N, C-alpha and C. Protein backbone atom coordinates (compact mmCIF):
# COMPACT_ATOMS: atom_id res chain seq x y z
N MET A 1 6.72 20.19 39.54
CA MET A 1 5.90 19.18 40.15
C MET A 1 4.56 19.13 39.41
N ARG A 2 4.10 17.97 39.14
CA ARG A 2 2.83 17.78 38.45
C ARG A 2 1.91 16.96 39.34
N VAL A 3 0.63 17.09 39.09
CA VAL A 3 -0.35 16.26 39.77
C VAL A 3 -0.39 14.94 39.03
N ALA A 4 -0.25 13.85 39.75
CA ALA A 4 -0.28 12.53 39.14
C ALA A 4 -1.67 12.22 38.63
N VAL A 5 -1.73 11.61 37.47
CA VAL A 5 -3.02 11.19 36.92
C VAL A 5 -3.37 9.86 37.58
N ALA A 6 -4.40 9.88 38.39
CA ALA A 6 -4.81 8.69 39.11
C ALA A 6 -5.79 7.90 38.26
N PRO A 7 -5.80 6.55 38.41
CA PRO A 7 -6.79 5.78 37.68
C PRO A 7 -8.18 6.13 38.17
N VAL A 8 -9.13 6.07 37.25
CA VAL A 8 -10.51 6.40 37.59
C VAL A 8 -11.05 5.33 38.53
N THR A 9 -11.50 5.77 39.69
CA THR A 9 -12.15 4.88 40.65
C THR A 9 -13.42 5.55 41.11
N LEU A 10 -14.30 4.77 41.67
CA LEU A 10 -15.55 5.35 42.16
C LEU A 10 -15.21 6.29 43.30
N PHE A 11 -15.65 7.53 43.17
CA PHE A 11 -15.38 8.56 44.16
C PHE A 11 -16.47 8.50 45.22
N ALA A 12 -16.08 8.18 46.43
CA ALA A 12 -17.06 7.96 47.48
C ALA A 12 -17.28 9.21 48.30
N VAL A 13 -18.35 9.89 48.01
CA VAL A 13 -18.80 11.01 48.84
C VAL A 13 -20.16 10.61 49.34
N SER A 14 -20.36 10.67 50.62
CA SER A 14 -21.65 10.26 51.14
C SER A 14 -22.21 11.31 52.07
N VAL A 15 -23.52 11.36 52.09
CA VAL A 15 -24.18 12.23 53.05
C VAL A 15 -24.11 11.50 54.38
N VAL A 16 -23.49 12.11 55.37
CA VAL A 16 -23.33 11.49 56.66
C VAL A 16 -24.53 11.78 57.56
N ALA A 17 -24.96 13.04 57.60
CA ALA A 17 -26.07 13.39 58.49
C ALA A 17 -26.59 14.76 58.15
N MET A 18 -27.78 15.05 58.61
CA MET A 18 -28.29 16.41 58.53
C MET A 18 -27.94 17.09 59.85
N LEU A 19 -27.59 18.36 59.76
CA LEU A 19 -27.20 19.09 60.96
C LEU A 19 -28.40 19.69 61.65
N ALA A 20 -28.35 19.69 62.94
CA ALA A 20 -29.36 20.43 63.70
C ALA A 20 -28.84 21.87 63.81
N CYS A 21 -27.84 22.08 64.66
CA CYS A 21 -27.21 23.40 64.73
C CYS A 21 -25.71 23.29 64.87
N SER A 22 -25.21 22.08 65.13
CA SER A 22 -23.77 21.97 65.29
C SER A 22 -23.30 20.61 64.85
N CYS A 23 -22.08 20.58 64.40
CA CYS A 23 -21.44 19.34 64.01
C CYS A 23 -19.96 19.63 63.89
N GLY A 24 -19.13 18.77 64.46
CA GLY A 24 -17.70 18.96 64.33
C GLY A 24 -17.20 20.28 64.87
N GLY A 25 -17.84 20.82 65.89
CA GLY A 25 -17.36 22.04 66.50
C GLY A 25 -17.91 23.32 65.88
N LEU A 26 -18.72 23.24 64.85
CA LEU A 26 -19.28 24.45 64.26
C LEU A 26 -20.63 24.73 64.90
N ASN A 27 -20.61 25.45 65.99
CA ASN A 27 -21.82 25.79 66.73
C ASN A 27 -22.36 27.11 66.21
N ASP A 28 -22.98 27.08 65.08
CA ASP A 28 -23.43 28.28 64.42
C ASP A 28 -24.80 28.00 63.81
N ALA A 29 -25.79 28.76 64.21
CA ALA A 29 -27.16 28.53 63.73
C ALA A 29 -27.27 28.69 62.21
N ARG A 30 -26.31 29.37 61.59
CA ARG A 30 -26.37 29.53 60.13
C ARG A 30 -26.21 28.19 59.40
N TYR A 31 -25.72 27.16 60.09
CA TYR A 31 -25.57 25.84 59.47
C TYR A 31 -26.78 24.93 59.71
N ALA A 32 -27.80 25.43 60.35
CA ALA A 32 -28.99 24.61 60.61
C ALA A 32 -29.55 24.07 59.30
N GLY A 33 -29.75 22.78 59.23
CA GLY A 33 -30.32 22.15 58.06
C GLY A 33 -29.31 21.83 56.96
N TRP A 34 -28.06 22.18 57.13
CA TRP A 34 -27.04 21.88 56.12
C TRP A 34 -26.67 20.40 56.20
N ALA A 35 -26.29 19.83 55.08
CA ALA A 35 -25.85 18.43 55.02
C ALA A 35 -24.34 18.35 55.22
N VAL A 36 -23.89 17.30 55.84
CA VAL A 36 -22.46 17.04 56.01
C VAL A 36 -22.04 16.05 54.92
N TYR A 37 -21.04 16.42 54.15
CA TYR A 37 -20.50 15.53 53.13
C TYR A 37 -19.09 15.14 53.54
N GLU A 38 -18.80 13.86 53.46
CA GLU A 38 -17.49 13.36 53.84
C GLU A 38 -16.91 12.56 52.69
N ASP A 39 -15.72 12.91 52.29
CA ASP A 39 -15.04 12.17 51.24
C ASP A 39 -14.26 11.03 51.88
N ARG A 40 -14.64 9.83 51.59
CA ARG A 40 -14.00 8.67 52.22
C ARG A 40 -12.64 8.36 51.64
N GLU A 41 -12.39 8.75 50.39
CA GLU A 41 -11.10 8.45 49.77
C GLU A 41 -10.00 9.40 50.26
N ASP A 42 -10.31 10.68 50.34
CA ASP A 42 -9.29 11.66 50.71
C ASP A 42 -9.50 12.30 52.08
N GLY A 43 -10.61 11.99 52.73
CA GLY A 43 -10.80 12.33 54.12
C GLY A 43 -11.24 13.74 54.45
N TYR A 44 -11.56 14.57 53.47
CA TYR A 44 -12.03 15.90 53.82
C TYR A 44 -13.53 15.86 54.08
N ARG A 45 -14.01 16.90 54.74
CA ARG A 45 -15.44 17.02 55.05
C ARG A 45 -15.83 18.48 54.86
N LEU A 46 -17.06 18.67 54.40
CA LEU A 46 -17.59 20.03 54.31
C LEU A 46 -19.10 19.99 54.45
N PHE A 47 -19.69 21.15 54.68
CA PHE A 47 -21.13 21.28 54.81
C PHE A 47 -21.69 21.88 53.53
N ALA A 48 -22.86 21.41 53.12
CA ALA A 48 -23.52 21.95 51.93
C ALA A 48 -24.89 22.47 52.32
N PRO A 49 -25.29 23.58 51.72
CA PRO A 49 -26.57 24.20 52.06
C PRO A 49 -27.76 23.31 51.74
N PRO A 50 -28.88 23.55 52.41
CA PRO A 50 -30.11 22.81 52.10
C PRO A 50 -30.48 23.02 50.63
N GLY A 51 -30.96 21.97 49.98
CA GLY A 51 -31.37 22.06 48.59
C GLY A 51 -30.24 21.95 47.59
N TRP A 52 -29.00 21.73 48.06
CA TRP A 52 -27.88 21.55 47.15
C TRP A 52 -27.65 20.05 46.95
N SER A 53 -27.23 19.68 45.76
CA SER A 53 -26.95 18.30 45.40
C SER A 53 -25.44 18.13 45.20
N VAL A 54 -25.01 16.88 45.07
CA VAL A 54 -23.59 16.60 44.85
C VAL A 54 -23.48 15.58 43.72
N SER A 55 -22.43 15.74 42.91
CA SER A 55 -22.13 14.76 41.87
C SER A 55 -20.63 14.61 41.74
N ASP A 56 -20.22 13.49 41.17
CA ASP A 56 -18.82 13.21 40.90
C ASP A 56 -18.32 14.16 39.83
N ASP A 57 -17.10 14.66 39.97
CA ASP A 57 -16.54 15.58 38.98
C ASP A 57 -15.04 15.32 38.89
N ARG A 58 -14.62 14.58 37.88
CA ARG A 58 -13.19 14.27 37.69
C ARG A 58 -12.68 15.04 36.47
N ARG A 59 -11.57 15.71 36.67
CA ARG A 59 -10.97 16.48 35.57
C ARG A 59 -9.47 16.49 35.72
N ALA A 60 -8.79 16.48 34.60
CA ALA A 60 -7.33 16.68 34.55
C ALA A 60 -6.59 15.86 35.60
N GLY A 61 -7.01 14.62 35.79
CA GLY A 61 -6.32 13.74 36.73
C GLY A 61 -6.63 13.98 38.19
N MET A 62 -7.66 14.76 38.48
CA MET A 62 -8.02 15.02 39.88
C MET A 62 -9.39 14.45 40.19
N ARG A 63 -9.53 13.97 41.41
CA ARG A 63 -10.81 13.47 41.91
C ARG A 63 -11.60 14.66 42.43
N GLY A 64 -12.92 14.63 42.26
CA GLY A 64 -13.67 15.78 42.74
C GLY A 64 -15.13 15.52 42.95
N SER A 65 -15.73 16.44 43.69
CA SER A 65 -17.18 16.46 43.91
C SER A 65 -17.67 17.86 43.66
N ARG A 66 -18.78 17.95 42.94
CA ARG A 66 -19.39 19.24 42.58
C ARG A 66 -20.68 19.38 43.38
N PHE A 67 -20.78 20.46 44.12
CA PHE A 67 -21.97 20.78 44.92
C PHE A 67 -22.68 21.93 44.24
N TYR A 68 -24.00 21.85 44.10
CA TYR A 68 -24.73 22.86 43.34
C TYR A 68 -26.18 22.93 43.81
N PRO A 69 -26.79 24.12 43.69
CA PRO A 69 -28.20 24.25 44.07
C PRO A 69 -29.09 23.61 43.01
N SER A 70 -30.17 22.99 43.46
CA SER A 70 -31.08 22.38 42.50
C SER A 70 -32.32 23.24 42.28
N GLU A 71 -32.41 24.35 43.00
CA GLU A 71 -33.54 25.26 42.83
C GLU A 71 -33.18 26.61 43.43
N GLY A 72 -34.08 27.58 43.26
CA GLY A 72 -33.89 28.89 43.88
C GLY A 72 -33.20 29.92 43.01
N PHE A 73 -32.79 29.53 41.81
CA PHE A 73 -32.13 30.46 40.90
C PHE A 73 -32.75 30.29 39.52
N ALA A 74 -32.55 31.27 38.67
CA ALA A 74 -33.05 31.17 37.30
C ALA A 74 -32.51 29.91 36.66
N HIS A 75 -33.35 29.22 35.90
CA HIS A 75 -32.96 27.96 35.28
C HIS A 75 -31.67 28.09 34.47
N ASN A 76 -31.50 29.20 33.77
CA ASN A 76 -30.32 29.35 32.94
C ASN A 76 -29.06 29.66 33.74
N GLU A 77 -29.16 29.81 35.06
CA GLU A 77 -27.97 30.05 35.89
C GLU A 77 -27.63 28.86 36.76
N LEU A 78 -28.56 27.94 36.98
CA LEU A 78 -28.34 26.84 37.92
C LEU A 78 -27.08 26.04 37.61
N GLY A 79 -26.84 25.74 36.35
CA GLY A 79 -25.68 24.92 36.00
C GLY A 79 -24.35 25.60 36.20
N PHE A 80 -24.34 26.89 36.49
CA PHE A 80 -23.09 27.62 36.59
C PHE A 80 -22.86 28.16 38.00
N ILE A 81 -23.65 27.70 38.95
CA ILE A 81 -23.44 28.01 40.37
C ILE A 81 -22.96 26.72 41.01
N TYR A 82 -21.75 26.74 41.56
CA TYR A 82 -21.23 25.51 42.14
C TYR A 82 -20.09 25.76 43.11
N PHE A 83 -19.84 24.73 43.91
CA PHE A 83 -18.68 24.67 44.78
C PHE A 83 -18.07 23.31 44.49
N ILE A 84 -16.82 23.29 44.05
CA ILE A 84 -16.17 22.03 43.69
C ILE A 84 -15.00 21.78 44.62
N ALA A 85 -14.88 20.54 45.07
CA ALA A 85 -13.74 20.10 45.85
C ALA A 85 -12.95 19.12 44.99
N PHE A 86 -11.70 19.46 44.68
CA PHE A 86 -10.82 18.59 43.90
C PHE A 86 -9.66 18.15 44.79
N VAL A 87 -9.20 16.92 44.57
CA VAL A 87 -8.02 16.42 45.26
C VAL A 87 -7.16 15.68 44.24
N GLY A 88 -5.88 15.98 44.23
CA GLY A 88 -4.94 15.29 43.35
C GLY A 88 -3.71 14.88 44.11
N ASP A 89 -3.14 13.76 43.71
CA ASP A 89 -1.90 13.28 44.32
C ASP A 89 -0.73 14.03 43.71
N LEU A 90 0.16 14.53 44.55
CA LEU A 90 1.32 15.28 44.08
C LEU A 90 2.47 14.32 43.78
N GLU A 91 3.22 14.64 42.76
CA GLU A 91 4.44 13.91 42.45
C GLU A 91 5.60 14.74 42.96
N GLY A 92 6.34 14.21 43.91
CA GLY A 92 7.50 14.94 44.40
C GLY A 92 7.14 16.00 45.41
N GLN A 93 7.84 17.15 45.32
CA GLN A 93 7.71 18.22 46.29
C GLN A 93 6.46 19.04 46.06
N ALA A 94 6.23 19.96 46.99
CA ALA A 94 5.06 20.84 46.93
C ALA A 94 5.09 21.68 45.66
N MET A 95 3.90 22.03 45.18
CA MET A 95 3.75 22.88 43.99
C MET A 95 3.93 24.33 44.36
N PRO A 96 4.67 25.09 43.56
CA PRO A 96 4.72 26.53 43.78
C PRO A 96 3.39 27.15 43.35
N PRO A 97 3.06 28.36 43.83
CA PRO A 97 1.78 29.00 43.50
C PRO A 97 1.49 29.07 42.01
N ALA A 98 2.49 29.32 41.18
CA ALA A 98 2.25 29.42 39.73
C ALA A 98 1.73 28.09 39.17
N GLU A 99 2.23 26.98 39.69
CA GLU A 99 1.73 25.68 39.23
C GLU A 99 0.34 25.39 39.75
N VAL A 100 0.04 25.86 40.95
CA VAL A 100 -1.32 25.71 41.47
C VAL A 100 -2.28 26.47 40.56
N GLU A 101 -1.91 27.68 40.17
CA GLU A 101 -2.76 28.46 39.25
C GLU A 101 -2.94 27.72 37.93
N GLN A 102 -1.86 27.16 37.38
CA GLN A 102 -1.95 26.44 36.12
C GLN A 102 -2.84 25.20 36.26
N THR A 103 -2.77 24.53 37.39
CA THR A 103 -3.63 23.37 37.63
C THR A 103 -5.09 23.79 37.64
N LEU A 104 -5.39 24.89 38.32
CA LEU A 104 -6.76 25.38 38.36
C LEU A 104 -7.23 25.74 36.94
N ARG A 105 -6.39 26.41 36.18
CA ARG A 105 -6.76 26.75 34.79
C ARG A 105 -7.10 25.49 33.99
N SER A 106 -6.30 24.44 34.17
CA SER A 106 -6.56 23.21 33.41
C SER A 106 -7.87 22.54 33.85
N LEU A 107 -8.29 22.79 35.07
CA LEU A 107 -9.54 22.20 35.56
C LEU A 107 -10.78 22.93 35.05
N ILE A 108 -10.66 24.23 34.79
CA ILE A 108 -11.85 25.00 34.41
C ILE A 108 -11.87 25.44 32.96
N ASN A 109 -10.79 25.20 32.21
CA ASN A 109 -10.72 25.76 30.85
C ASN A 109 -11.71 25.13 29.87
N HIS A 110 -12.41 24.08 30.25
CA HIS A 110 -13.45 23.54 29.35
C HIS A 110 -14.74 24.34 29.46
N GLU A 111 -14.89 25.15 30.52
CA GLU A 111 -16.07 26.01 30.69
C GLU A 111 -15.72 27.49 30.58
N TRP A 112 -14.57 27.87 31.13
CA TRP A 112 -14.17 29.27 31.24
C TRP A 112 -13.22 29.66 30.11
N GLN A 113 -13.34 30.91 29.63
CA GLN A 113 -12.40 31.51 28.70
C GLN A 113 -11.96 32.84 29.28
N GLN A 114 -10.91 33.40 28.71
CA GLN A 114 -10.40 34.70 29.13
C GLN A 114 -10.26 34.77 30.66
N ILE A 115 -9.63 33.76 31.22
CA ILE A 115 -9.51 33.63 32.67
C ILE A 115 -8.48 34.62 33.21
N GLU A 116 -8.92 35.39 34.21
CA GLU A 116 -8.04 36.30 34.94
C GLU A 116 -7.99 35.80 36.38
N MET A 117 -6.77 35.72 36.94
CA MET A 117 -6.61 35.26 38.32
C MET A 117 -5.75 36.23 39.10
N THR A 118 -6.14 36.43 40.34
CA THR A 118 -5.34 37.20 41.29
C THR A 118 -5.04 36.27 42.45
N SER A 119 -3.77 36.11 42.74
CA SER A 119 -3.34 35.16 43.77
C SER A 119 -2.97 35.89 45.06
N GLY A 120 -3.26 35.26 46.17
CA GLY A 120 -2.89 35.79 47.47
C GLY A 120 -2.77 34.64 48.45
N SER A 121 -2.63 34.97 49.70
CA SER A 121 -2.55 33.92 50.71
C SER A 121 -3.70 34.10 51.69
N GLY A 122 -4.05 33.03 52.32
CA GLY A 122 -5.14 33.05 53.28
C GLY A 122 -5.11 31.78 54.10
N GLU A 123 -6.26 31.41 54.61
CA GLU A 123 -6.34 30.25 55.48
C GLU A 123 -7.53 29.40 55.09
N LEU A 124 -7.34 28.09 55.14
CA LEU A 124 -8.40 27.12 54.91
C LEU A 124 -8.20 25.99 55.90
N ALA A 125 -9.25 25.66 56.60
CA ALA A 125 -9.21 24.57 57.59
C ALA A 125 -8.07 24.75 58.59
N GLY A 126 -7.83 26.02 58.97
CA GLY A 126 -6.81 26.31 59.97
C GLY A 126 -5.38 26.21 59.46
N ARG A 127 -5.20 26.15 58.15
CA ARG A 127 -3.87 26.03 57.57
C ARG A 127 -3.66 27.11 56.50
N GLU A 128 -2.40 27.46 56.26
CA GLU A 128 -2.09 28.44 55.23
C GLU A 128 -2.48 27.88 53.87
N ALA A 129 -3.11 28.72 53.05
CA ALA A 129 -3.57 28.29 51.73
C ALA A 129 -3.32 29.39 50.71
N THR A 130 -3.23 28.97 49.46
CA THR A 130 -3.18 29.91 48.35
C THR A 130 -4.62 30.25 47.99
N MET A 131 -4.95 31.53 47.95
CA MET A 131 -6.30 31.99 47.60
C MET A 131 -6.24 32.62 46.22
N LEU A 132 -7.22 32.31 45.39
CA LEU A 132 -7.25 32.82 44.03
C LEU A 132 -8.62 33.40 43.73
N ASP A 133 -8.65 34.66 43.31
CA ASP A 133 -9.89 35.27 42.83
C ASP A 133 -9.88 35.15 41.32
N LEU A 134 -11.02 34.73 40.75
CA LEU A 134 -11.10 34.47 39.32
C LEU A 134 -12.20 35.29 38.67
N ALA A 135 -11.97 35.60 37.42
CA ALA A 135 -12.99 36.20 36.56
C ALA A 135 -12.78 35.59 35.19
N GLY A 136 -13.86 35.41 34.47
CA GLY A 136 -13.75 34.83 33.14
C GLY A 136 -15.07 34.92 32.41
N VAL A 137 -15.10 34.29 31.25
CA VAL A 137 -16.27 34.30 30.40
C VAL A 137 -16.65 32.85 30.12
N LEU A 138 -17.92 32.56 30.24
CA LEU A 138 -18.42 31.22 29.92
C LEU A 138 -18.31 31.02 28.42
N GLN A 139 -17.64 29.96 28.02
CA GLN A 139 -17.39 29.77 26.59
C GLN A 139 -18.66 29.50 25.79
N TYR A 140 -19.73 29.02 26.42
CA TYR A 140 -20.95 28.68 25.69
C TYR A 140 -21.75 29.90 25.24
N ASP A 141 -21.79 30.94 26.10
CA ASP A 141 -22.66 32.07 25.75
C ASP A 141 -22.09 33.44 26.11
N GLY A 142 -20.85 33.50 26.52
CA GLY A 142 -20.22 34.78 26.81
C GLY A 142 -20.58 35.40 28.15
N ARG A 143 -21.33 34.69 28.97
CA ARG A 143 -21.71 35.19 30.30
C ARG A 143 -20.47 35.34 31.17
N ARG A 144 -20.40 36.43 31.95
CA ARG A 144 -19.27 36.66 32.86
C ARG A 144 -19.40 35.76 34.08
N LEU A 145 -18.28 35.11 34.45
CA LEU A 145 -18.22 34.25 35.63
C LEU A 145 -17.27 34.84 36.64
N GLN A 146 -17.53 34.54 37.90
CA GLN A 146 -16.66 34.98 38.99
C GLN A 146 -16.44 33.80 39.91
N GLY A 147 -15.26 33.73 40.52
CA GLY A 147 -14.99 32.61 41.42
C GLY A 147 -13.95 32.95 42.46
N ARG A 148 -13.88 32.08 43.44
CA ARG A 148 -12.87 32.17 44.50
C ARG A 148 -12.41 30.75 44.77
N ALA A 149 -11.09 30.56 44.74
CA ALA A 149 -10.53 29.23 44.97
C ALA A 149 -9.56 29.27 46.14
N ALA A 150 -9.45 28.14 46.80
CA ALA A 150 -8.48 27.97 47.88
C ALA A 150 -7.74 26.67 47.61
N ALA A 151 -6.42 26.72 47.66
CA ALA A 151 -5.59 25.54 47.41
C ALA A 151 -4.68 25.30 48.60
N LEU A 152 -4.59 24.06 48.99
CA LEU A 152 -3.79 23.68 50.14
C LEU A 152 -3.10 22.36 49.83
N GLN A 153 -1.82 22.27 50.18
CA GLN A 153 -1.07 21.04 49.95
C GLN A 153 -0.78 20.38 51.29
N ARG A 154 -1.08 19.10 51.34
CA ARG A 154 -0.90 18.39 52.61
C ARG A 154 -0.76 16.90 52.36
N ASP A 155 0.19 16.28 53.02
CA ASP A 155 0.38 14.82 52.96
C ASP A 155 0.44 14.29 51.53
N GLY A 156 1.16 15.00 50.65
CA GLY A 156 1.33 14.54 49.27
C GLY A 156 0.12 14.74 48.39
N LYS A 157 -0.82 15.59 48.82
CA LYS A 157 -2.03 15.84 48.04
C LYS A 157 -2.25 17.33 47.88
N LEU A 158 -2.86 17.70 46.75
CA LEU A 158 -3.31 19.06 46.53
C LEU A 158 -4.82 19.07 46.73
N PHE A 159 -5.29 19.85 47.69
CA PHE A 159 -6.72 20.06 47.92
C PHE A 159 -7.06 21.41 47.29
N LEU A 160 -8.01 21.41 46.38
CA LEU A 160 -8.37 22.62 45.67
C LEU A 160 -9.88 22.77 45.71
N PHE A 161 -10.34 23.88 46.27
CA PHE A 161 -11.77 24.14 46.42
C PHE A 161 -12.12 25.38 45.60
N LEU A 162 -13.20 25.31 44.84
CA LEU A 162 -13.59 26.41 43.96
C LEU A 162 -15.07 26.73 44.11
N ALA A 163 -15.37 27.98 44.41
CA ALA A 163 -16.74 28.49 44.44
C ALA A 163 -16.90 29.38 43.22
N ALA A 164 -17.95 29.15 42.43
CA ALA A 164 -18.13 29.93 41.20
C ALA A 164 -19.59 30.17 40.91
N ALA A 165 -19.85 31.27 40.20
CA ALA A 165 -21.21 31.63 39.81
C ALA A 165 -21.13 32.70 38.73
N PRO A 166 -22.23 32.89 37.99
CA PRO A 166 -22.26 34.04 37.09
C PRO A 166 -21.98 35.31 37.89
N GLN A 167 -21.28 36.24 37.28
CA GLN A 167 -20.85 37.45 37.99
C GLN A 167 -22.01 38.17 38.67
N ARG A 168 -23.13 38.28 38.01
CA ARG A 168 -24.25 39.03 38.59
C ARG A 168 -24.89 38.31 39.78
N THR A 169 -24.60 37.02 39.95
CA THR A 169 -25.17 36.23 41.04
C THR A 169 -24.18 36.00 42.17
N PHE A 170 -22.89 36.16 41.88
CA PHE A 170 -21.85 35.79 42.84
C PHE A 170 -22.00 36.50 44.18
N ASP A 171 -22.22 37.81 44.17
CA ASP A 171 -22.31 38.55 45.43
C ASP A 171 -23.46 38.06 46.31
N SER A 172 -24.56 37.66 45.70
CA SER A 172 -25.69 37.16 46.50
C SER A 172 -25.38 35.80 47.13
N LEU A 173 -24.35 35.11 46.62
CA LEU A 173 -23.95 33.80 47.14
C LEU A 173 -22.70 33.89 48.01
N ARG A 174 -22.14 35.06 48.15
CA ARG A 174 -20.86 35.21 48.86
C ARG A 174 -20.92 34.62 50.28
N GLU A 175 -21.95 34.94 51.05
CA GLU A 175 -22.02 34.41 52.42
C GLU A 175 -22.14 32.88 52.40
N THR A 176 -22.93 32.34 51.49
CA THR A 176 -23.06 30.88 51.38
C THR A 176 -21.71 30.25 51.08
N PHE A 177 -21.00 30.80 50.10
CA PHE A 177 -19.69 30.26 49.76
C PHE A 177 -18.72 30.37 50.93
N GLU A 178 -18.75 31.50 51.65
CA GLU A 178 -17.86 31.67 52.80
C GLU A 178 -18.18 30.65 53.89
N LEU A 179 -19.46 30.36 54.10
CA LEU A 179 -19.84 29.35 55.09
C LEU A 179 -19.36 27.96 54.67
N ILE A 180 -19.46 27.65 53.38
CA ILE A 180 -18.94 26.35 52.92
C ILE A 180 -17.44 26.28 53.18
N TYR A 181 -16.71 27.33 52.78
CA TYR A 181 -15.26 27.34 53.03
C TYR A 181 -14.95 27.19 54.52
N ALA A 182 -15.68 27.89 55.37
CA ALA A 182 -15.44 27.82 56.82
C ALA A 182 -15.70 26.44 57.38
N SER A 183 -16.54 25.65 56.71
CA SER A 183 -16.88 24.31 57.19
C SER A 183 -15.88 23.24 56.79
N VAL A 184 -14.99 23.54 55.86
CA VAL A 184 -14.06 22.52 55.35
C VAL A 184 -13.15 22.02 56.46
N ARG A 185 -13.05 20.70 56.57
CA ARG A 185 -12.14 20.04 57.50
C ARG A 185 -11.32 19.04 56.71
N LEU A 186 -10.02 19.02 56.97
CA LEU A 186 -9.12 18.09 56.30
C LEU A 186 -8.75 16.97 57.25
N PRO A 187 -8.28 15.84 56.72
CA PRO A 187 -7.89 14.74 57.61
C PRO A 187 -6.76 15.15 58.55
N GLU A 188 -6.80 14.61 59.73
CA GLU A 188 -5.75 14.94 60.72
C GLU A 188 -4.47 14.21 60.45
């Protein structure tokens, strides 16, 4: 099974609202001030931390949005701290885990080299998901990168979410990344 290459269309992600302390059932003060992002094309929603921006990110036939901090980190690390949401249309039956891993590799191989992945299972948005821990080297300068991805297949689509940062910064962002993952909601 392969992900279908969709024609390039404007990817509509919009800021819906700023959160006070709750939205969509997440009654947790840790989300105070976070922005709600809703993808109108594929219907998923997630929360992004204060001071993070979003941009369109299309790769390897998948639609995506890249969320990243615009301040608070060393200038030379800002471009490599991100949370990306990718969605691709599936052709045929569900993808086996090995193909999900290969799809992720094809999405990041323009930045990452020497990619190591460990696959497991977990949960995303209340559903069973393939979880992938990643390590690699930034091809531009040899900096070590670390990441965590979650992949879920639903209604003929592959939803793939990736949190990544330089290895030395990843642990300091772990709680932020976990909160973003916990906020993900998929269409009903």
